[in-house]
Amino acid sequence: MLNVALFGPPGAGKGTQSARLIERYGLLYVATGDLLRAEIREGTDLGKSARAIIERGGLVSDEIIVQILEHTIRDNSSANGFLFDGFPRTFVQAYILEGLLRKMHTSLMNLVSLEVPEEVCLERLLERARTSGRSDDTRKVIEYRLLEYKEKTAPVLDFYDERGIRVGVGGTGTVEQVFARITDVLDESLRKVQLNVVLLGAPGAGRGTQAPALAERYNLAYLSTGDMLQDEVRRGTPAGLKAAGLLEAGALVPDEIVIRMLEGVVQSHPDRNGIIFKGFPRTLVQAYILDGLLRKTGSKVNCILDIRVPTLELIKRLALRADTDRAMPYDRATDTIVRRLEEHEQYAAAIAGYYEKTGRRRAIDGVGTREEVFERLCAEVDVAFRQAR
């Protein structure tokens, strides 16, 4: 999930930028003031408690606020993420938000602080007061609000500075210029999220073309079990000698051989944003194996892309590939191609069903130009990166 807190003094333009960020990233807007008023309006138990406190002239407690936030986040768990406006206001609330998000198995990705000179904020707010006709927005009141923001939010900004996720963004300029600065920050943070992608599809679906291209665009480590096995064969290793005949016939290589290869490479890649797997898993058993291998490194499969291509189109592609330097051993005979596709179909449904239950599998139309298919894949990876946090 993409969770962001937007900070800035009164007059910094948070409301304008929030609306644009919500639309761009598909976020749920979370403003504690709005949530509190909704609870009061709907007459919930929390709303009744809050109303009683407000009517006595008191401040609503953090205990009530956190309960409202918790059920808001829980009830909207399918959102791409949350944009927090007006919370946290104190370092105590910063700890509350951190604990709440951890409970929901997510975290705050960035606190974006709009930095606008005080005199600019004062000028903006005075102009707004003149145009809106609000008699309470006097210079004295506005100056007090700016001072209160400065005094109360400094500890919150320090809290997120220590965690390395606070980013100051210049808040002067046109609305479009400020928005571009914010999205540059968020997009860069999204690219740093660790994402493991499994690329499914029958032989000839285009995985060998698309997987390296996706790896390059998203800075992922590219792992192809087919390439790894071919390398073992070329080097004449014990694993390669066992696999050679099976590869020639288009048959599956035993899991114990593949596992031993993957154990050495399925690990943390500090210079990469994750891993894209091509050619693995090919069976339901291998899907379980991959989950186990990734759990050892504290990660998981985040995104499953299943490229779908009609069988006749697959046969045509594989037959044409036999005359290129990209030919696989099983491309050289039609009966071997058909047998390989039949074998794939035997296992494909079980793997698709396994990943379907996770809610992360996406079927991708594999018919069209390389560029068209690539853009379809990228659209889904973009969504997966936003949801990864």
Protein backbone atom coordinates (compact mmCIF):
# COMPACT_ATOMS: atom_id res chain seq x y z
CA MET A 1 0.00 0.00 0.00
CA LEU A 2 1.07 3.57 -0.68
CA ASN A 3 0.55 5.35 2.65
CA VAL A 4 1.45 9.04 2.77
CA ALA A 5 1.09 11.81 5.34
CA LEU A 6 0.84 15.29 3.83
CA PHE A 7 2.06 18.11 6.07
CA GLY A 8 2.30 21.82 5.65
CA PRO A 9 1.36 25.06 7.43
CA PRO A 10 -2.05 26.66 6.91
CA GLY A 11 -2.07 28.10 3.42
CA ALA A 12 0.49 25.62 2.06
CA GLY A 13 -2.04 24.14 -0.39
CA LYS A 14 -2.56 20.71 1.19
CA GLY A 15 -6.22 20.55 0.20
CA THR A 16 -5.50 21.25 -3.47
CA GLN A 17 -2.63 18.76 -3.66
CA SER A 18 -4.52 16.08 -1.70
CA ALA A 19 -7.30 16.00 -4.28
CA ARG A 20 -4.78 15.48 -7.09
CA LEU A 21 -2.81 12.80 -5.22
CA ILE A 22 -5.96 10.85 -4.43
CA GLU A 23 -6.90 10.78 -8.11
CA ARG A 24 -3.41 9.87 -9.38
CA TYR A 25 -2.65 7.06 -6.94
CA GLY A 26 -6.14 5.83 -6.05
CA LEU A 27 -5.71 6.65 -2.35
CA LEU A 28 -8.32 6.97 0.37
CA TYR A 29 -8.32 10.42 1.93
CA VAL A 30 -8.08 10.24 5.71
CA ALA A 31 -8.69 13.54 7.52
CA THR A 32 -9.39 13.03 11.21
CA GLY A 33 -11.63 16.10 11.37
CA ASP A 34 -13.83 14.78 8.55
CA LEU A 35 -13.95 11.30 10.08
CA LEU A 36 -14.88 12.68 13.48
CA ARG A 37 -17.71 14.80 12.05
CA ALA A 38 -19.01 11.77 10.14
CA GLU A 39 -19.09 9.67 13.33
CA ILE A 40 -21.01 12.44 15.12
CA ARG A 41 -23.40 12.90 12.21
CA GLU A 42 -24.12 9.15 12.01
CA GLY A 43 -24.64 8.89 15.75
CA THR A 44 -22.20 6.03 16.32
CA ASP A 45 -21.01 5.18 19.84
CA LEU A 46 -17.69 6.86 19.11
CA GLY A 47 -19.51 9.85 17.66
CA LYS A 48 -21.68 10.20 20.77
CA SER A 49 -18.61 10.08 23.00
CA ALA A 50 -16.87 12.70 20.89
CA ARG A 51 -19.93 14.97 20.83
CA ALA A 52 -20.16 14.90 24.62
CA ILE A 53 -16.50 15.89 24.95
CA ILE A 54 -16.80 18.69 22.38
CA GLU A 55 -19.95 20.07 24.00
CA ARG A 56 -18.05 20.32 27.29
CA GLY A 57 -15.38 22.34 25.49
CA GLY A 58 -12.79 19.56 25.63
CA LEU A 59 -10.51 17.98 23.03
CA VAL A 60 -11.32 14.56 21.64
CA SER A 61 -8.89 12.03 23.08
CA ASP A 62 -6.32 10.07 21.08
CA GLU A 63 -8.10 6.91 22.22
CA ILE A 64 -11.23 7.88 20.30
CA ILE A 65 -9.27 9.10 17.28
CA VAL A 66 -7.28 5.87 16.99
CA GLN A 67 -10.44 3.75 17.12
CA ILE A 68 -11.97 5.80 14.32
CA LEU A 69 -8.79 5.50 12.26
CA GLU A 70 -8.52 1.77 12.88
CA HIS A 71 -11.96 0.87 11.61
CA THR A 72 -11.58 3.30 8.68
CA ILE A 73 -8.37 1.58 7.56
CA ARG A 74 -9.73 -1.90 8.23
CA ASP A 75 -12.98 -1.25 6.34
CA ASN A 76 -11.03 0.06 3.33
CA SER A 77 -8.21 -2.50 3.22
CA SER A 78 -8.65 -2.92 -0.56
CA ALA A 79 -7.58 0.69 -1.21
CA ASN A 80 -4.24 1.32 -2.92
CA GLY A 81 -3.23 3.24 0.18
CA PHE A 82 -4.13 6.12 2.48
CA LEU A 83 -3.40 9.83 2.40
CA PHE A 84 -3.35 11.21 5.95
CA ASP A 85 -4.17 14.89 6.38
CA GLY A 86 -4.22 16.38 9.87
CA PHE A 87 -2.81 13.28 11.52
CA PRO A 88 -0.46 12.81 13.25
CA ARG A 89 -0.40 16.27 14.88
CA THR A 90 1.83 15.30 17.83
CA PHE A 91 4.73 12.89 18.28
CA VAL A 92 2.42 10.76 20.47
CA GLN A 93 0.04 10.43 17.53
CA ALA A 94 3.02 9.59 15.31
CA TYR A 95 3.69 6.56 17.50
CA ILE A 96 -0.01 5.71 17.41
CA LEU A 97 -0.11 5.79 13.61
CA GLU A 98 3.00 3.66 13.34
CA GLY A 99 1.55 1.03 15.67
CA LEU A 100 -1.81 1.11 13.91
CA LEU A 101 -0.31 0.61 10.45
CA ARG A 102 1.94 -2.21 11.69
CA LYS A 103 -1.14 -3.91 13.07
CA MET A 104 -2.58 -3.69 9.55
CA HIS A 105 0.67 -5.17 8.12
CA THR A 106 1.65 -1.96 6.38
CA SER A 107 3.58 1.25 7.10
CA LEU A 108 3.90 4.93 6.22
CA MET A 109 6.02 5.30 3.10
CA ASN A 110 6.59 9.05 3.20
CA LEU A 111 5.74 12.12 5.17
CA VAL A 112 5.69 14.89 2.57
CA SER A 113 6.19 18.31 4.12
CA LEU A 114 5.17 21.26 1.97
CA GLU A 115 7.66 24.02 2.69
CA VAL A 116 6.22 27.48 2.18
CA PRO A 117 7.64 30.71 3.70
CA GLU A 118 5.49 32.11 6.49
CA GLU A 119 4.93 35.41 4.70
CA VAL A 120 3.62 33.55 1.62
CA CYS A 121 1.19 31.52 3.76
CA LEU A 122 0.04 34.72 5.48
CA GLU A 123 -0.55 36.41 2.14
CA ARG A 124 -2.48 33.43 0.77
CA LEU A 125 -4.68 33.13 3.85
CA LEU A 126 -5.45 36.86 3.97
CA GLU A 127 -6.43 36.72 0.29
CA ARG A 128 -8.61 33.68 0.97
CA ALA A 129 -10.24 35.52 3.88
CA ARG A 130 -11.06 38.47 1.62
CA THR A 131 -12.58 36.31 -1.12
CA SER A 132 -14.45 33.94 1.20
CA GLY A 133 -15.80 36.65 3.47
CA ARG A 134 -14.76 34.75 6.63
CA SER A 135 -14.66 37.35 9.39
CA ASP A 136 -12.74 35.05 11.76
CA ASP A 137 -9.71 34.87 9.41
CA THR A 138 -8.07 38.04 10.69
CA ARG A 139 -4.34 38.68 10.54
CA LYS A 140 -4.06 38.03 14.29
CA VAL A 141 -5.90 34.71 14.06
CA ILE A 142 -3.89 33.60 11.02
CA GLU A 143 -0.58 34.48 12.68
CA TYR A 144 -1.60 32.47 15.75
CA ARG A 145 -2.48 29.44 13.59
CA LEU A 146 0.88 29.61 11.83
CA LEU A 147 2.73 29.85 15.14
CA GLU A 148 0.75 26.94 16.60
CA TYR A 149 1.58 24.79 13.57
CA LYS A 150 5.25 25.60 13.87
CA GLU A 151 5.41 24.77 17.57
CA LYS A 152 3.31 21.61 17.53
CA THR A 153 4.53 19.93 14.35
CA ALA A 154 8.28 20.32 14.87
CA PRO A 155 8.46 17.17 17.08
CA VAL A 156 6.44 15.21 14.49
CA LEU A 157 8.80 16.20 11.69
CA ASP A 158 11.76 15.20 13.89
CA PHE A 159 10.10 11.82 14.49
CA TYR A 160 9.94 11.08 10.75
CA ASP A 161 13.36 12.60 10.08
CA GLU A 162 14.81 9.94 12.39
CA ARG A 163 13.05 7.26 10.35
CA GLY A 164 14.35 8.69 7.12
CA ILE A 165 10.94 9.00 5.44
CA ARG A 166 10.26 12.72 5.79
CA VAL A 167 10.77 14.65 2.53
CA GLY A 168 10.54 18.41 2.26
CA VAL A 169 8.97 19.67 -0.96
CA GLY A 170 8.93 23.29 -2.12
CA GLY A 171 5.35 24.51 -1.90
CA THR A 172 5.71 27.70 -3.93
CA GLY A 173 5.03 27.96 -7.64
CA THR A 174 2.04 26.85 -9.68
CA VAL A 175 -0.24 24.04 -8.51
CA GLU A 176 1.14 21.87 -11.32
CA GLN A 177 4.76 22.54 -10.36
CA VAL A 178 4.20 21.62 -6.71
CA PHE A 179 2.25 18.52 -7.71
CA ALA A 180 5.08 17.39 -9.98
CA ARG A 181 7.56 17.74 -7.11
CA ILE A 182 5.40 15.63 -4.82
CA THR A 183 4.81 12.90 -7.40
CA ASP A 184 8.54 12.77 -8.17
CA VAL A 185 9.14 11.98 -4.49
CA LEU A 186 6.41 9.35 -4.28
CA ASP A 187 7.32 7.67 -7.57
CA GLU A 188 10.96 7.42 -6.49
CA SER A 189 9.91 5.84 -3.18
CA LEU A 190 7.68 3.37 -5.03
CA ARG A 191 10.62 2.30 -7.15
CA LYS A 192 12.50 1.40 -3.95
CA VAL A 193 9.75 -0.93 -2.73
CA GLN A 194 10.76 -4.60 -2.87
CA LEU A 195 8.54 -6.48 -5.31
CA ASN A 196 8.72 -10.12 -6.38
CA VAL A 197 6.97 -10.88 -9.67
CA VAL A 198 6.10 -14.27 -11.16
CA LEU A 199 5.58 -14.25 -14.91
CA LEU A 200 3.37 -17.14 -16.01
CA GLY A 201 2.46 -18.23 -19.51
CA ALA A 202 2.78 -21.10 -21.94
CA PRO A 203 5.91 -21.62 -24.05
CA GLY A 204 5.75 -19.01 -26.79
CA ALA A 205 3.68 -16.55 -24.74
CA GLY A 206 6.54 -14.06 -24.77
CA ARG A 207 7.90 -14.44 -21.25
CA GLY A 208 11.49 -14.55 -22.48
CA THR A 209 11.01 -11.20 -24.19
CA GLN A 210 8.91 -9.45 -21.61
CA ALA A 211 10.61 -10.57 -18.38
CA PRO A 212 14.02 -8.97 -19.12
CA ALA A 213 12.29 -5.79 -20.28
CA LEU A 214 10.28 -5.61 -17.05
CA ALA A 215 13.42 -6.32 -15.02
CA GLU A 216 15.18 -3.38 -16.68
CA ARG A 217 12.32 -0.93 -16.29
CA TYR A 218 11.69 -1.72 -12.61
CA ASN A 219 15.25 -2.58 -11.56
CA LEU A 220 14.40 -6.20 -10.75
CA ALA A 221 16.76 -9.15 -10.64
CA TYR A 222 15.87 -11.47 -13.54
CA LEU A 223 15.82 -15.18 -12.72
CA SER A 224 15.10 -17.63 -15.54
CA THR A 225 15.29 -21.29 -14.53
CA GLY A 226 15.47 -22.22 -18.22
CA ASP A 227 18.54 -20.05 -18.75
CA MET A 228 20.07 -21.36 -15.53
CA LEU A 229 19.56 -24.97 -16.60
CA GLN A 230 20.98 -24.31 -20.07
CA ASP A 231 24.06 -22.83 -18.40
CA GLU A 232 24.41 -25.96 -16.25
CA VAL A 233 24.21 -28.10 -19.42
CA ARG A 234 26.84 -26.02 -21.22
CA ARG A 235 29.21 -26.27 -18.26
CA GLY A 236 28.65 -30.02 -17.95
CA THR A 237 27.82 -29.89 -14.26
CA PRO A 238 26.18 -32.90 -12.55
CA ALA A 239 22.87 -31.01 -12.58
CA GLY A 240 23.35 -30.15 -16.24
CA LEU A 241 24.06 -33.76 -17.20
CA LYS A 242 20.85 -34.87 -15.47
CA ALA A 243 18.81 -32.10 -17.07
CA ALA A 244 20.15 -32.29 -20.65
CA GLY A 245 17.98 -35.15 -21.91
CA LEU A 246 14.86 -33.81 -20.20
CA LEU A 247 15.32 -30.38 -21.74
CA GLU A 248 15.83 -31.90 -25.18
CA ALA A 249 12.51 -33.71 -24.84
CA GLY A 250 10.71 -30.67 -23.41
CA ALA A 251 10.05 -32.47 -20.13
CA LEU A 252 10.11 -30.96 -16.65
CA VAL A 253 13.36 -31.13 -14.71
CA PRO A 254 13.04 -32.70 -11.21
CA ASP A 255 12.31 -30.23 -8.44
CA GLU A 256 15.37 -31.15 -6.39
CA ILE A 257 17.64 -29.93 -9.21
CA VAL A 258 15.79 -26.65 -9.63
CA ILE A 259 15.60 -26.00 -5.88
CA ARG A 260 19.36 -26.41 -5.47
CA MET A 261 19.92 -23.84 -8.22
CA LEU A 262 17.43 -21.35 -6.82
CA GLU A 263 18.63 -21.60 -3.23
CA GLY A 264 21.83 -19.86 -4.19
CA VAL A 265 20.16 -16.95 -5.97
CA VAL A 266 16.80 -16.38 -4.21
CA GLN A 267 18.16 -14.00 -1.64
CA SER A 268 18.22 -10.31 -0.88
CA HIS A 269 19.32 -8.17 -3.81
CA PRO A 270 20.22 -4.83 -2.17
CA ASP A 271 20.89 -3.19 -5.52
CA ARG A 272 17.54 -4.32 -6.94
CA ASN A 273 13.88 -3.62 -6.19
CA GLY A 274 13.00 -7.31 -6.14
CA ILE A 275 13.02 -10.36 -8.39
CA ILE A 276 11.10 -11.38 -11.51
CA PHE A 277 10.79 -15.14 -12.00
CA LYS A 278 10.46 -16.56 -15.50
CA GLY A 279 9.94 -20.30 -15.90
CA PHE A 280 9.28 -20.96 -12.24
CA PRO A 281 6.99 -22.14 -10.79
CA ARG A 282 5.72 -24.52 -13.46
CA THR A 283 3.75 -26.79 -11.12
CA LEU A 284 1.64 -26.43 -8.00
CA VAL A 285 4.39 -28.06 -5.96
CA GLN A 286 6.89 -25.52 -7.26
CA ALA A 287 4.53 -22.69 -6.26
CA TYR A 288 4.70 -23.96 -2.68
CA ILE A 289 8.48 -24.34 -2.98
CA LEU A 290 8.89 -20.75 -4.17
CA ASP A 291 6.85 -19.45 -1.24
CA GLY A 292 9.10 -21.40 1.10
CA LEU A 293 12.29 -20.13 -0.51
CA LEU A 294 11.13 -16.51 -0.33
CA ARG A 295 9.97 -16.80 3.28
CA LYS A 296 13.53 -17.70 4.23
CA THR A 297 14.55 -14.21 3.07
CA GLY A 298 11.55 -12.53 4.72
CA SER A 299 9.80 -11.80 1.43
CA LYS A 300 6.95 -13.17 -0.70
CA VAL A 301 5.44 -13.18 -4.18
CA ASN A 302 3.69 -9.83 -4.62
CA CYS A 303 2.53 -9.93 -8.23
CA ILE A 304 1.58 -12.77 -10.60
CA LEU A 305 1.19 -11.92 -14.28
CA ASP A 306 -0.28 -14.65 -16.46
CA ILE A 307 0.21 -13.97 -20.19
CA ARG A 308 -2.63 -15.61 -22.11
CA VAL A 309 -2.19 -16.52 -25.81
CA PRO A 310 -4.41 -18.86 -27.93
CA THR A 311 -2.93 -22.32 -28.55
CA LEU A 312 -2.75 -22.00 -32.34
CA GLU A 313 -0.89 -18.73 -31.99
CA LEU A 314 1.55 -20.39 -29.57
CA ILE A 315 2.28 -23.22 -32.04
CA LYS A 316 2.86 -20.70 -34.81
CA ARG A 317 5.25 -18.66 -32.68
CA LEU A 318 7.24 -21.68 -31.51
CA ALA A 319 7.59 -23.05 -35.02
CA LEU A 320 8.94 -19.69 -36.19
CA ARG A 321 11.28 -19.48 -33.19
CA ALA A 322 12.91 -22.78 -34.20
CA ASP A 323 14.74 -20.95 -37.00
CA THR A 324 16.22 -18.30 -34.71
CA ASP A 325 19.04 -18.15 -32.18
CA ARG A 326 16.37 -18.04 -29.46
CA ALA A 327 15.23 -21.60 -30.24
CA MET A 328 14.68 -23.97 -27.33
CA PRO A 329 15.40 -27.72 -27.68
CA TYR A 330 11.70 -28.56 -27.92
CA ASP A 331 11.05 -26.04 -30.74
CA ARG A 332 12.54 -28.25 -33.47
CA ALA A 333 9.69 -30.73 -33.88
CA THR A 334 5.94 -30.10 -34.02
CA ASP A 335 5.11 -33.18 -31.94
CA THR A 336 7.50 -31.98 -29.20
CA ILE A 337 5.93 -28.52 -29.28
CA VAL A 338 2.44 -29.98 -28.91
CA ARG A 339 3.54 -32.31 -26.11
CA ARG A 340 5.16 -29.41 -24.26
CA LEU A 341 2.01 -27.29 -24.57
CA GLU A 342 -0.17 -30.19 -23.41
CA GLU A 343 2.09 -30.70 -20.41
CA HIS A 344 1.91 -27.00 -19.61
CA GLU A 345 -1.89 -27.09 -19.68
CA GLN A 346 -1.92 -29.98 -17.19
CA TYR A 347 -0.24 -27.84 -14.57
CA ALA A 348 -1.32 -24.32 -15.55
CA ALA A 349 -4.84 -24.49 -14.11
CA ALA A 350 -3.59 -25.64 -10.69
CA ILE A 351 -0.99 -22.84 -10.52
CA ALA A 352 -3.52 -20.25 -11.67
CA GLY A 353 -5.95 -21.43 -9.01
CA TYR A 354 -3.26 -21.30 -6.33
CA TYR A 355 -2.35 -17.72 -7.11
CA GLU A 356 -5.95 -16.68 -7.77
CA LYS A 357 -6.67 -17.23 -4.08
CA THR A 358 -4.06 -14.62 -3.16
CA GLY A 359 -5.87 -11.93 -5.15
CA ARG A 360 -2.60 -10.95 -6.82
CA ARG A 361 -2.87 -12.88 -10.10
CA ARG A 362 -3.66 -10.88 -13.21
CA ALA A 363 -4.44 -12.37 -16.64
CA ILE A 364 -2.73 -10.38 -19.39
CA ASP A 365 -3.75 -10.48 -23.05
CA GLY A 366 -0.59 -11.64 -24.83
CA VAL A 367 -1.79 -10.97 -28.37
CA GLY A 368 -0.44 -7.86 -30.06
CA THR A 369 2.90 -6.19 -30.58
CA ARG A 370 5.66 -6.58 -28.00
CA GLU A 371 5.16 -2.95 -27.05
CA GLU A 372 1.41 -3.35 -26.54
CA VAL A 373 1.80 -6.41 -24.34
CA PHE A 374 4.63 -4.75 -22.42
CA GLU A 375 2.46 -1.72 -21.59
CA ARG A 376 -0.31 -4.02 -20.33
CA LEU A 377 2.17 -5.76 -18.06
CA CYS A 378 3.62 -2.46 -16.84
CA ALA A 379 0.18 -1.16 -15.90
CA GLU A 380 -0.26 -4.12 -13.54
CA VAL A 381 3.26 -3.87 -12.11
CA ASP A 382 2.66 -0.18 -11.36
CA VAL A 383 -0.42 -1.12 -9.35
CA ALA A 384 1.49 -3.89 -7.56
CA PHE A 385 4.23 -1.47 -6.51
CA ARG A 386 1.64 0.88 -5.04
CA GLN A 387 0.04 -1.95 -3.10
CA ALA A 388 3.32 -3.50 -1.95
CA ARG A 389 3.53 -1.13 1.01
